[in-house]
Amino acid sequence: MMKRLLPLMMLAALSGCAMFGKKPATPAVAAAATSAPQLVDAGGALIERVPYRVGVSSVTVEQLARQHACTGQGAGLVTAPGPVEVYRLQCAGGRVFMARCELRQCRKM
């Protein structure tokens, strides 16, 4: 079986198989092609968009936000997962609720 496989692999590599001939796109080019227009604030500073990520304390932060009159959906993890995490929740009225959780004990920021 191996005697047949080796010549086939060499033939595919030497014949210019599409798998071996293509170069991957650079990350900068791929990001530029799919990126949305940059957002700026009133002072002209760029606004960074943070992707939504669920964390272990997302539900706890949503409950804490409701206690502080903030009704929204999805408390997203802003920092890296670990013993200390920061969560962000967009309230229905437009304000932002932030919470800091240390070892799953969450407090409003």
N, C-alpha and C. Protein backbone atom coordinates (compact mmCIF):
# COMPACT_ATOMS: atom_id res chain seq x y z
N MET A 1 0.82 -1.19 0.00
CA MET A 1 0.00 0.00 0.00
C MET A 1 0.86 1.26 0.00
N MET A 2 1.88 1.31 0.86
CA MET A 2 2.76 2.48 0.93
C MET A 2 3.56 2.65 -0.36
N LYS A 3 3.87 1.54 -1.03
CA LYS A 3 4.63 1.62 -2.27
C LYS A 3 3.84 2.35 -3.34
N ARG A 4 2.52 2.24 -3.32
CA ARG A 4 1.67 2.92 -4.31
C ARG A 4 1.43 4.37 -3.92
N LEU A 5 1.35 4.65 -2.63
CA LEU A 5 1.00 5.98 -2.15
C LEU A 5 2.12 6.99 -2.38
N LEU A 6 3.35 6.61 -2.15
CA LEU A 6 4.48 7.52 -2.29
C LEU A 6 4.62 8.07 -3.71
N PRO A 7 4.58 7.23 -4.76
CA PRO A 7 4.68 7.79 -6.12
C PRO A 7 3.51 8.71 -6.47
N LEU A 8 2.32 8.41 -5.96
CA LEU A 8 1.18 9.28 -6.24
C LEU A 8 1.36 10.65 -5.59
N MET A 9 1.87 10.67 -4.38
CA MET A 9 2.10 11.95 -3.69
C MET A 9 3.16 12.77 -4.41
N MET A 10 4.21 12.11 -4.88
CA MET A 10 5.27 12.81 -5.60
C MET A 10 4.74 13.34 -6.92
N LEU A 11 3.91 12.58 -7.60
CA LEU A 11 3.34 12.99 -8.86
C LEU A 11 2.46 14.21 -8.67
N ALA A 12 1.65 14.22 -7.62
CA ALA A 12 0.77 15.35 -7.35
C ALA A 12 1.59 16.61 -7.04
N ALA A 13 2.67 16.46 -6.30
CA ALA A 13 3.50 17.61 -5.95
C ALA A 13 4.23 18.16 -7.17
N LEU A 14 4.71 17.30 -8.02
CA LEU A 14 5.48 17.76 -9.18
C LEU A 14 4.60 18.25 -10.32
N SER A 15 3.35 17.80 -10.37
CA SER A 15 2.49 18.19 -11.48
C SER A 15 1.82 19.54 -11.26
N GLY A 16 2.09 20.20 -10.14
CA GLY A 16 1.51 21.52 -9.92
C GLY A 16 0.09 21.44 -9.41
N CYS A 17 -0.15 20.52 -8.54
CA CYS A 17 -1.47 20.37 -7.94
C CYS A 17 -1.88 21.69 -7.29
N ALA A 18 -3.16 22.03 -7.39
CA ALA A 18 -3.64 23.30 -6.87
C ALA A 18 -3.40 23.42 -5.38
N MET A 19 -3.42 22.32 -4.68
CA MET A 19 -3.21 22.37 -3.24
C MET A 19 -1.80 22.84 -2.90
N PHE A 20 -0.82 22.48 -3.71
CA PHE A 20 0.56 22.82 -3.43
C PHE A 20 0.99 24.12 -4.08
N GLY A 21 0.27 24.56 -5.10
CA GLY A 21 0.71 25.72 -5.87
C GLY A 21 0.20 27.06 -5.36
N LYS A 22 -0.89 27.07 -4.62
CA LYS A 22 -1.48 28.33 -4.19
C LYS A 22 -0.80 28.86 -2.95
N LYS A 23 -0.66 30.18 -2.90
CA LYS A 23 -0.14 30.83 -1.70
C LYS A 23 -1.33 31.36 -0.92
N PRO A 24 -1.32 31.21 0.40
CA PRO A 24 -2.45 31.73 1.19
C PRO A 24 -2.45 33.26 1.17
N ALA A 25 -3.63 33.83 1.25
CA ALA A 25 -3.75 35.28 1.28
C ALA A 25 -3.18 35.82 2.57
N THR A 26 -2.55 36.98 2.50
CA THR A 26 -1.99 37.57 3.71
C THR A 26 -3.12 38.07 4.59
N PRO A 27 -2.96 38.02 5.92
CA PRO A 27 -4.04 38.45 6.81
C PRO A 27 -4.44 39.91 6.60
N ALA A 28 -3.50 40.78 6.26
CA ALA A 28 -3.83 42.19 6.07
C ALA A 28 -4.75 42.38 4.86
N VAL A 29 -4.48 41.64 3.80
CA VAL A 29 -5.30 41.76 2.60
C VAL A 29 -6.69 41.19 2.87
N ALA A 30 -6.76 40.05 3.55
CA ALA A 30 -8.05 39.44 3.85
C ALA A 30 -8.87 40.33 4.79
N ALA A 31 -8.23 40.95 5.77
CA ALA A 31 -8.94 41.82 6.70
C ALA A 31 -9.42 43.08 6.00
N ALA A 32 -8.63 43.63 5.11
CA ALA A 32 -9.02 44.85 4.40
C ALA A 32 -10.21 44.59 3.48
N ALA A 33 -10.28 43.41 2.92
CA ALA A 33 -11.36 43.10 2.00
C ALA A 33 -12.69 42.93 2.73
N THR A 34 -12.65 42.47 3.98
CA THR A 34 -13.89 42.20 4.70
C THR A 34 -14.20 43.22 5.79
N SER A 35 -13.32 44.21 6.00
CA SER A 35 -13.54 45.14 7.10
C SER A 35 -14.61 46.17 6.76
N ALA A 36 -15.33 46.58 7.79
CA ALA A 36 -16.36 47.60 7.64
C ALA A 36 -15.69 48.97 7.76
N PRO A 37 -16.39 50.04 7.38
CA PRO A 37 -15.80 51.36 7.51
C PRO A 37 -15.49 51.67 8.98
N GLN A 38 -14.41 52.38 9.21
CA GLN A 38 -13.99 52.72 10.56
C GLN A 38 -14.95 53.73 11.18
N LEU A 39 -15.31 53.52 12.44
CA LEU A 39 -16.16 54.45 13.17
C LEU A 39 -15.29 55.42 13.95
N VAL A 40 -15.70 56.69 14.00
CA VAL A 40 -14.96 57.69 14.76
C VAL A 40 -15.93 58.43 15.67
N ASP A 41 -15.41 58.90 16.82
CA ASP A 41 -16.26 59.67 17.72
C ASP A 41 -16.23 61.14 17.34
N ALA A 42 -16.87 61.99 18.14
CA ALA A 42 -16.98 63.41 17.82
C ALA A 42 -15.63 64.10 17.77
N GLY A 43 -14.67 63.58 18.54
CA GLY A 43 -13.32 64.16 18.55
C GLY A 43 -12.42 63.64 17.44
N GLY A 44 -12.90 62.69 16.66
CA GLY A 44 -12.12 62.16 15.55
C GLY A 44 -11.32 60.91 15.90
N ALA A 45 -11.42 60.42 17.14
CA ALA A 45 -10.69 59.22 17.55
C ALA A 45 -11.42 57.98 17.04
N LEU A 46 -10.66 56.97 16.66
CA LEU A 46 -11.24 55.73 16.16
C LEU A 46 -11.96 54.99 17.29
N ILE A 47 -13.11 54.39 16.97
CA ILE A 47 -13.86 53.59 17.91
C ILE A 47 -13.58 52.13 17.58
N GLU A 48 -13.10 51.39 18.57
CA GLU A 48 -12.77 49.98 18.36
C GLU A 48 -13.99 49.12 18.61
N ARG A 49 -14.29 48.22 17.69
CA ARG A 49 -15.40 47.28 17.86
C ARG A 49 -14.84 46.01 18.49
N VAL A 50 -15.47 45.58 19.57
CA VAL A 50 -15.04 44.38 20.28
C VAL A 50 -16.02 43.26 19.94
N PRO A 51 -15.54 42.11 19.46
CA PRO A 51 -16.46 41.03 19.13
C PRO A 51 -17.15 40.48 20.39
N TYR A 52 -18.37 40.03 20.23
CA TYR A 52 -19.14 39.48 21.35
C TYR A 52 -18.64 38.08 21.68
N ARG A 53 -18.29 37.89 22.96
CA ARG A 53 -17.87 36.57 23.46
C ARG A 53 -18.60 36.28 24.76
N VAL A 54 -19.09 35.08 24.89
CA VAL A 54 -19.76 34.66 26.12
C VAL A 54 -18.70 34.21 27.11
N GLY A 55 -18.89 34.57 28.37
CA GLY A 55 -17.99 34.15 29.43
C GLY A 55 -18.74 33.34 30.48
N VAL A 56 -18.01 32.83 31.46
CA VAL A 56 -18.64 31.99 32.48
C VAL A 56 -19.58 32.80 33.38
N SER A 57 -19.40 34.10 33.46
CA SER A 57 -20.25 34.93 34.32
C SER A 57 -21.22 35.81 33.54
N SER A 58 -21.46 35.52 32.29
CA SER A 58 -22.36 36.34 31.47
C SER A 58 -23.76 36.43 32.06
N VAL A 59 -24.31 35.31 32.51
CA VAL A 59 -25.67 35.29 33.06
C VAL A 59 -25.71 36.08 34.37
N THR A 60 -24.68 35.94 35.19
CA THR A 60 -24.62 36.67 36.45
C THR A 60 -24.59 38.17 36.20
N VAL A 61 -23.83 38.61 35.21
CA VAL A 61 -23.75 40.03 34.89
C VAL A 61 -25.09 40.54 34.35
N GLU A 62 -25.79 39.73 33.57
CA GLU A 62 -27.11 40.13 33.07
C GLU A 62 -28.10 40.31 34.23
N GLN A 63 -28.04 39.43 35.22
CA GLN A 63 -28.91 39.56 36.40
C GLN A 63 -28.53 40.81 37.21
N LEU A 64 -27.24 41.07 37.35
CA LEU A 64 -26.77 42.26 38.06
C LEU A 64 -27.21 43.52 37.34
N ALA A 65 -27.18 43.50 36.03
CA ALA A 65 -27.60 44.66 35.24
C ALA A 65 -29.09 44.93 35.45
N ARG A 66 -29.91 43.88 35.50
CA ARG A 66 -31.34 44.06 35.75
C ARG A 66 -31.60 44.70 37.10
N GLN A 67 -30.77 44.39 38.09
CA GLN A 67 -30.92 44.99 39.42
C GLN A 67 -30.60 46.48 39.39
N HIS A 68 -29.82 46.91 38.40
CA HIS A 68 -29.45 48.32 38.24
C HIS A 68 -30.23 48.98 37.10
N ALA A 69 -31.43 48.48 36.83
CA ALA A 69 -32.35 49.05 35.83
C ALA A 69 -31.76 49.09 34.43
N CYS A 70 -31.06 48.05 34.05
CA CYS A 70 -30.51 47.93 32.70
C CYS A 70 -31.05 46.64 32.09
N THR A 71 -31.91 46.77 31.11
CA THR A 71 -32.42 45.59 30.43
C THR A 71 -31.76 45.51 29.06
N GLY A 72 -31.04 44.44 28.86
CA GLY A 72 -30.35 44.24 27.60
C GLY A 72 -30.15 42.76 27.37
N GLN A 73 -29.56 42.42 26.26
CA GLN A 73 -29.31 41.03 25.94
C GLN A 73 -27.84 40.79 25.75
N GLY A 74 -27.32 39.79 26.41
CA GLY A 74 -25.97 39.33 26.15
C GLY A 74 -24.87 40.15 26.76
N ALA A 75 -24.44 39.78 27.95
CA ALA A 75 -23.26 40.39 28.56
C ALA A 75 -22.04 39.76 27.91
N GLY A 76 -21.26 40.54 27.20
CA GLY A 76 -20.11 40.03 26.47
C GLY A 76 -18.82 40.22 27.24
N LEU A 77 -17.96 39.23 27.14
CA LEU A 77 -16.65 39.26 27.78
C LEU A 77 -15.73 40.18 26.99
N VAL A 78 -15.15 41.17 27.68
CA VAL A 78 -14.28 42.15 27.02
C VAL A 78 -12.82 41.74 27.15
N THR A 79 -12.43 41.20 28.30
CA THR A 79 -11.04 40.80 28.55
C THR A 79 -10.85 39.33 28.24
N ALA A 80 -9.64 38.89 28.39
CA ALA A 80 -9.34 37.47 28.20
C ALA A 80 -9.92 36.67 29.37
N PRO A 81 -10.36 35.42 29.12
CA PRO A 81 -10.87 34.60 30.21
C PRO A 81 -9.79 34.36 31.27
N GLY A 82 -10.20 34.39 32.51
CA GLY A 82 -9.25 34.18 33.59
C GLY A 82 -9.89 34.43 34.93
N PRO A 83 -9.10 34.60 35.97
CA PRO A 83 -9.68 34.83 37.30
C PRO A 83 -10.35 36.19 37.42
N VAL A 84 -9.89 37.19 36.67
CA VAL A 84 -10.50 38.52 36.67
C VAL A 84 -10.98 38.81 35.26
N GLU A 85 -12.29 39.07 35.11
CA GLU A 85 -12.88 39.31 33.79
C GLU A 85 -13.72 40.58 33.83
N VAL A 86 -13.81 41.26 32.69
CA VAL A 86 -14.64 42.45 32.56
C VAL A 86 -15.70 42.15 31.50
N TYR A 87 -16.95 42.49 31.82
CA TYR A 87 -18.08 42.25 30.92
C TYR A 87 -18.73 43.57 30.55
N ARG A 88 -19.34 43.60 29.37
CA ARG A 88 -20.01 44.79 28.85
C ARG A 88 -21.39 44.38 28.37
N LEU A 89 -22.40 45.20 28.70
CA LEU A 89 -23.77 44.93 28.29
C LEU A 89 -24.38 46.23 27.79
N GLN A 90 -24.95 46.21 26.59
CA GLN A 90 -25.62 47.38 26.02
C GLN A 90 -27.05 47.41 26.54
N CYS A 91 -27.41 48.46 27.29
CA CYS A 91 -28.75 48.59 27.86
C CYS A 91 -29.73 49.04 26.78
N ALA A 92 -31.03 48.83 27.03
CA ALA A 92 -32.06 49.18 26.06
C ALA A 92 -32.11 50.69 25.83
N GLY A 93 -31.82 51.50 26.84
CA GLY A 93 -31.86 52.95 26.71
C GLY A 93 -30.65 53.55 26.01
N GLY A 94 -29.66 52.75 25.68
CA GLY A 94 -28.48 53.25 24.99
C GLY A 94 -27.24 53.34 25.86
N ARG A 95 -27.40 53.29 27.18
CA ARG A 95 -26.22 53.35 28.03
C ARG A 95 -25.55 51.98 28.09
N VAL A 96 -24.34 51.95 28.63
CA VAL A 96 -23.55 50.73 28.70
C VAL A 96 -23.36 50.35 30.16
N PHE A 97 -23.57 49.08 30.47
CA PHE A 97 -23.36 48.54 31.82
C PHE A 97 -22.10 47.72 31.78
N MET A 98 -21.16 48.02 32.68
CA MET A 98 -19.89 47.29 32.77
C MET A 98 -19.80 46.63 34.14
N ALA A 99 -19.25 45.44 34.18
CA ALA A 99 -19.07 44.73 35.44
C ALA A 99 -17.71 44.04 35.44
N ARG A 100 -17.15 43.96 36.63
CA ARG A 100 -15.85 43.28 36.83
C ARG A 100 -16.12 42.06 37.70
N CYS A 101 -15.68 40.90 37.23
CA CYS A 101 -15.89 39.66 37.96
C CYS A 101 -14.53 39.08 38.36
N GLU A 102 -14.38 38.85 39.65
CA GLU A 102 -13.15 38.25 40.15
C GLU A 102 -13.52 36.93 40.81
N LEU A 103 -13.04 35.84 40.25
CA LEU A 103 -13.38 34.49 40.70
C LEU A 103 -14.90 34.31 40.79
N ARG A 104 -15.60 34.76 39.75
CA ARG A 104 -17.06 34.66 39.57
C ARG A 104 -17.86 35.49 40.56
N GLN A 105 -17.23 36.41 41.23
CA GLN A 105 -17.93 37.38 42.10
C GLN A 105 -17.97 38.70 41.34
N CYS A 106 -19.15 39.12 40.90
CA CYS A 106 -19.28 40.26 39.99
C CYS A 106 -19.77 41.51 40.71
N ARG A 107 -19.21 42.66 40.30
CA ARG A 107 -19.59 43.96 40.83
C ARG A 107 -19.68 44.95 39.68
N LYS A 108 -20.58 45.92 39.84
CA LYS A 108 -20.74 46.97 38.83
C LYS A 108 -19.50 47.85 38.83
N MET A 109 -19.09 48.28 37.65
CA MET A 109 -17.94 49.19 37.54
C MET A 109 -18.43 50.62 37.47
